[in-house]
C-alpha atoms as a PDB file:
ATOM      1  CA  MET A   1      74.376 -64.176 -40.111  1.00  0.00           C
ATOM      2  CA  TYR A   2      76.896 -61.476 -39.174  1.00  0.00           C
ATOM      3  CA  LYS A   3      75.232 -58.932 -41.285  1.00  0.00           C
ATOM      4  CA  ALA A   4      71.531 -59.962 -39.814  1.00  0.00           C
ATOM      5  CA  ILE A   5      73.054 -59.336 -36.090  1.00  0.00           C
ATOM      6  CA  LEU A   6      74.161 -56.147 -37.204  1.00  0.00           C
ATOM      7  CA  LEU A   7      70.942 -55.103 -38.698  1.00  0.00           C
ATOM      8  CA  LEU A   8      69.077 -56.087 -35.566  1.00  0.00           C
ATOM      9  CA  MET A   9      71.490 -54.148 -33.299  1.00  0.00           C
ATOM     10  CA  PHE A  10      71.082 -51.179 -35.694  1.00  0.00           C
ATOM     11  CA  PHE A  11      66.861 -51.284 -35.629  1.00  0.00           C
ATOM     12  CA  SER A  12      67.264 -51.766 -31.634  1.00  0.00           C
ATOM     13  CA  ALA A  13      69.210 -48.895 -31.275  1.00  0.00           C
ATOM     14  CA  CYS A  14      66.860 -46.705 -33.428  1.00  0.00           C
ATOM     15  CA  SER A  15      63.744 -47.561 -31.995  1.00  0.00           C
ATOM     16  CA  SER A  16      65.204 -47.255 -28.274  1.00  0.00           C
ATOM     17  CA  LYS A  17      65.776 -43.378 -28.812  1.00  0.00           C
ATOM     18  CA  PRO A  18      64.486 -41.639 -25.673  1.00  0.00           C
ATOM     19  CA  THR A  19      61.363 -39.341 -25.747  1.00  0.00           C
ATOM     20  CA  THR A  20      62.273 -35.874 -24.803  1.00  0.00           C
ATOM     21  CA  GLU A  21      60.274 -32.681 -23.947  1.00  0.00           C
ATOM     22  CA  ALA A  22      61.266 -31.353 -27.524  1.00  0.00           C
ATOM     23  CA  SER A  23      59.572 -34.196 -29.167  1.00  0.00           C
ATOM     24  CA  VAL A  24      56.182 -33.435 -27.982  1.00  0.00           C
ATOM     25  CA  ASP A  25      56.495 -29.561 -27.307  1.00  0.00           C
ATOM     26  CA  GLY A  26      53.878 -27.918 -29.513  1.00  0.00           C
ATOM     27  CA  THR A  27      51.799 -30.783 -30.360  1.00  0.00           C
ATOM     28  CA  LYS A  28      48.396 -31.469 -29.615  1.00  0.00           C
ATOM     29  CA  TRP A  29      46.683 -35.000 -29.442  1.00  0.00           C
ATOM     30  CA  THR A  30      43.008 -36.373 -29.097  1.00  0.00           C
ATOM     31  CA  LEU A  31      42.265 -39.735 -26.971  1.00  0.00           C
ATOM     32  CA  VAL A  32      41.483 -42.584 -29.250  1.00  0.00           C
ATOM     33  CA  GLN A  33      41.665 -45.680 -27.036  1.00  0.00           C
ATOM     34  CA  TYR A  34      42.527 -46.436 -23.694  1.00  0.00           C
ATOM     35  CA  ILE A  35      43.177 -49.684 -21.488  1.00  0.00           C
ATOM     36  CA  ASP A  36      42.190 -50.532 -18.029  1.00  0.00           C
ATOM     37  CA  SER A  37      43.759 -52.659 -15.360  1.00  0.00           C
ATOM     38  CA  ALA A  38      42.478 -55.689 -16.600  1.00  0.00           C
ATOM     39  CA  GLY A  39      43.704 -55.330 -19.902  1.00  0.00           C
ATOM     40  CA  THR A  40      40.633 -54.467 -21.555  1.00  0.00           C
ATOM     41  CA  SER A  41      40.716 -51.943 -24.518  1.00  0.00           C
ATOM     42  CA  ALA A  42      37.877 -49.842 -25.502  1.00  0.00           C
ATOM     43  CA  SER A  43      37.957 -46.886 -28.299  1.00  0.00           C
ATOM     44  CA  VAL A  44      37.034 -43.195 -27.733  1.00  0.00           C
ATOM     45  CA  THR A  45      34.217 -42.518 -29.817  1.00  0.00           C
ATOM     46  CA  TYR A  46      33.253 -38.704 -30.533  1.00  0.00           C
ATOM     47  CA  PRO A  47      30.109 -37.313 -31.839  1.00  0.00           C
ATOM     48  CA  SER A  48      29.810 -36.578 -35.409  1.00  0.00           C
ATOM     49  CA  GLY A  49      33.373 -38.127 -35.565  1.00  0.00           C
ATOM     50  CA  LYS A  50      35.047 -34.711 -34.935  1.00  0.00           C
ATOM     51  CA  LYS A  51      38.276 -35.639 -32.761  1.00  0.00           C
ATOM     52  CA  GLY A  52      39.972 -32.998 -30.872  1.00  0.00           C
ATOM     53  CA  ASP A  53      36.542 -31.753 -29.390  1.00  0.00           C
ATOM     54  CA  GLY A  54      36.352 -33.929 -26.385  1.00  0.00           C
ATOM     55  CA  TYR A  55      39.271 -35.648 -24.677  1.00  0.00           C
ATOM     56  CA  TRP A  56      42.375 -33.837 -26.265  1.00  0.00           C
ATOM     57  CA  MET A  57      45.694 -32.515 -24.643  1.00  0.00           C
ATOM     58  CA  GLU A  58      48.479 -30.181 -25.630  1.00  0.00           C
ATOM     59  CA  PHE A  59      52.122 -29.951 -24.758  1.00  0.00           C
ATOM     60  CA  ARG A  60      53.418 -26.590 -24.915  1.00  0.00           C
ATOM     61  CA  GLN A  61      56.930 -25.533 -23.507  1.00  0.00           C
ATOM     62  CA  ASP A  62      56.800 -27.014 -19.889  1.00  0.00           C
ATOM     63  CA  THR A  63      52.781 -26.942 -19.779  1.00  0.00           C
ATOM     64  CA  ILE A  64      50.190 -29.665 -20.613  1.00  0.00           C
ATOM     65  CA  SER A  65      46.969 -28.461 -20.714  1.00  0.00           C
ATOM     66  CA  GLY A  66      43.488 -29.780 -22.342  1.00  0.00           C
ATOM     67  CA  SER A  67      40.187 -31.198 -21.844  1.00  0.00           C
ATOM     68  CA  ASP A  68      38.698 -34.537 -20.334  1.00  0.00           C
ATOM     69  CA  ASN A  69      35.504 -33.994 -22.428  1.00  0.00           C
ATOM     70  CA  CYS A  70      33.984 -31.844 -19.762  1.00  0.00           C
ATOM     71  CA  ASN A  71      36.386 -30.215 -17.614  1.00  0.00           C
ATOM     72  CA  HIS A  72      39.590 -27.961 -18.571  1.00  0.00           C
ATOM     73  CA  PHE A  73      43.068 -28.888 -17.203  1.00  0.00           C
ATOM     74  CA  SER A  74      46.397 -27.750 -16.930  1.00  0.00           C
ATOM     75  CA  GLY A  75      49.884 -28.268 -15.132  1.00  0.00           C
ATOM     76  CA  THR A  76      53.602 -28.683 -15.902  1.00  0.00           C
ATOM     77  CA  TYR A  77      55.094 -31.671 -17.187  1.00  0.00           C
ATOM     78  CA  THR A  78      58.962 -33.118 -17.568  1.00  0.00           C
ATOM     79  CA  ILE A  79      59.827 -35.825 -19.732  1.00  0.00           C
ATOM     80  CA  GLU A  80      63.238 -37.633 -19.140  1.00  0.00           C
ATOM     81  CA  ASN A  81      64.404 -40.863 -20.525  1.00  0.00           C
ATOM     82  CA  ASP A  82      60.402 -41.626 -21.819  1.00  0.00           C
ATOM     83  CA  VAL A  83      59.872 -41.192 -17.988  1.00  0.00           C
ATOM     84  CA  LEU A  84      56.763 -38.215 -17.930  1.00  0.00           C
ATOM     85  CA  LYS A  85      55.955 -36.671 -14.933  1.00  0.00           C
ATOM     86  CA  THR A  86      53.401 -34.138 -14.380  1.00  0.00           C
ATOM     87  CA  SER A  87      52.882 -31.614 -11.652  1.00  0.00           C
ATOM     88  CA  ASP A  88      50.760 -28.783 -10.240  1.00  0.00           C
ATOM     89  CA  MET A  89      47.688 -30.089 -12.228  1.00  0.00           C
ATOM     90  CA  VAL A  90      44.418 -28.120 -11.855  1.00  0.00           C
ATOM     91  CA  SER A  91      41.233 -28.594 -13.226  1.00  0.00           C
ATOM     92  CA  THR A  92      37.569 -26.977 -13.367  1.00  0.00           C
ATOM     93  CA  LEU A  93      35.277 -28.898 -11.356  1.00  0.00           C
ATOM     94  CA  ILE A  94      32.089 -29.676 -13.623  1.00  0.00           C
ATOM     95  CA  GLY A  95      30.448 -32.699 -12.328  1.00  0.00           C
ATOM     96  CA  CYS A  96      29.947 -34.828 -15.745  1.00  0.00           C
ATOM     97  CA  PRO A  97      28.478 -38.310 -15.679  1.00  0.00           C
ATOM     98  CA  ASP A  98      30.144 -41.176 -17.575  1.00  0.00           C
ATOM     99  CA  ASN A  99      33.220 -39.053 -18.112  1.00  0.00           C
ATOM    100  CA  LEU A 100      36.601 -40.633 -18.189  1.00  0.00           C
ATOM    101  CA  ALA A 101      39.024 -40.009 -15.299  1.00  0.00           C
ATOM    102  CA  MET A 102      41.543 -38.617 -18.137  1.00  0.00           C
ATOM    103  CA  THR A 103      42.925 -35.765 -15.856  1.00  0.00           C
ATOM    104  CA  ALA A 104      43.326 -37.927 -12.762  1.00  0.00           C
ATOM    105  CA  ALA A 105      45.348 -40.604 -15.026  1.00  0.00           C
ATOM    106  CA  LEU A 106      47.648 -38.207 -16.246  1.00  0.00           C
ATOM    107  CA  THR A 107      48.454 -37.065 -12.686  1.00  0.00           C
ATOM    108  CA  VAL A 108      49.971 -40.274 -12.342  1.00  0.00           C
ATOM    109  CA  ALA A 109      51.480 -40.649 -15.317  1.00  0.00           C
ATOM    110  CA  THR A 110      54.783 -42.950 -15.442  1.00  0.00           C
ATOM    111  CA  ARG A 111      56.310 -42.849 -19.170  1.00  0.00           C
ATOM    112  CA  LEU A 112      55.354 -42.396 -22.803  1.00  0.00           C
ATOM    113  CA  GLU A 113      56.376 -43.881 -26.163  1.00  0.00           C
ATOM    114  CA  PHE A 114      55.539 -43.340 -29.383  1.00  0.00           C
ATOM    115  CA  ILE A 115      54.074 -46.706 -31.302  1.00  0.00           C
ATOM    116  CA  ASP A 116      52.944 -46.318 -34.900  1.00  0.00           C
ATOM    117  CA  SER A 117      52.384 -42.646 -34.827  1.00  0.00           C
ATOM    118  CA  HIS A 118      50.353 -42.765 -31.632  1.00  0.00           C
ATOM    119  CA  LEU A 119      51.461 -41.114 -28.314  1.00  0.00           C
ATOM    120  CA  TYR A 120      50.949 -43.869 -25.482  1.00  0.00           C
ATOM    121  CA  ILE A 121      51.010 -42.557 -21.972  1.00  0.00           C
ATOM    122  CA  TYR A 122      50.979 -45.305 -19.040  1.00  0.00           C
ATOM    123  CA  THR A 123      49.747 -44.425 -15.887  1.00  0.00           C
ATOM    124  CA  THR A 124      49.397 -46.211 -12.347  1.00  0.00           C
ATOM    125  CA  HIS A 125      45.501 -45.242 -12.484  1.00  0.00           C
ATOM    126  CA  PRO A 126      43.411 -48.127 -11.804  1.00  0.00           C
ATOM    127  CA  ALA A 127      40.670 -47.617 -14.267  1.00  0.00           C
ATOM    128  CA  LEU A 128      42.799 -46.044 -17.288  1.00  0.00           C
ATOM    129  CA  THR A 129      46.516 -47.644 -17.165  1.00  0.00           C
ATOM    130  CA  THR A 130      47.028 -46.634 -20.792  1.00  0.00           C
ATOM    131  CA  LEU A 131      46.115 -43.744 -22.653  1.00  0.00           C
ATOM    132  CA  ILE A 132      46.405 -43.719 -26.665  1.00  0.00           C
ATOM    133  CA  PHE A 133      46.433 -40.803 -28.411  1.00  0.00           C
ATOM    134  CA  GLU A 134      46.506 -39.559 -32.084  1.00  0.00           C
ATOM    135  CA  LYS A 135      47.971 -36.413 -32.853  1.00  0.00           C
ATOM    136  CA  ILE A 136      45.670 -33.707 -34.232  1.00  0.00           C
END
């Protein structure tokens, strides 16, 4: 029993390691799934199955940039204890029908975490409360 408690404490401590800017710096991600405020999950499909062409983002030093399948965006970010804050977000303004509001969701990001090699970004956006990315 004592050993089981120690193992549980060890794994809990390992899994709660905070995300830092260094853990995402230099990485590029493609959106593979999202969850809306009703808890409905949807997968993102890409023409000809090529991920990274549509919805993607990249972290480089203190800059976040990418594409929401239509417009390109960039801004700055900080991460401290799994809290993600973006600022100074700018985007091109091409009008695109049926486009996900990924850039708008990233401007109201609250935290992030890694789960099973995916990057989860949680937001206060009403349509995209969780963005799930895969590393490319």
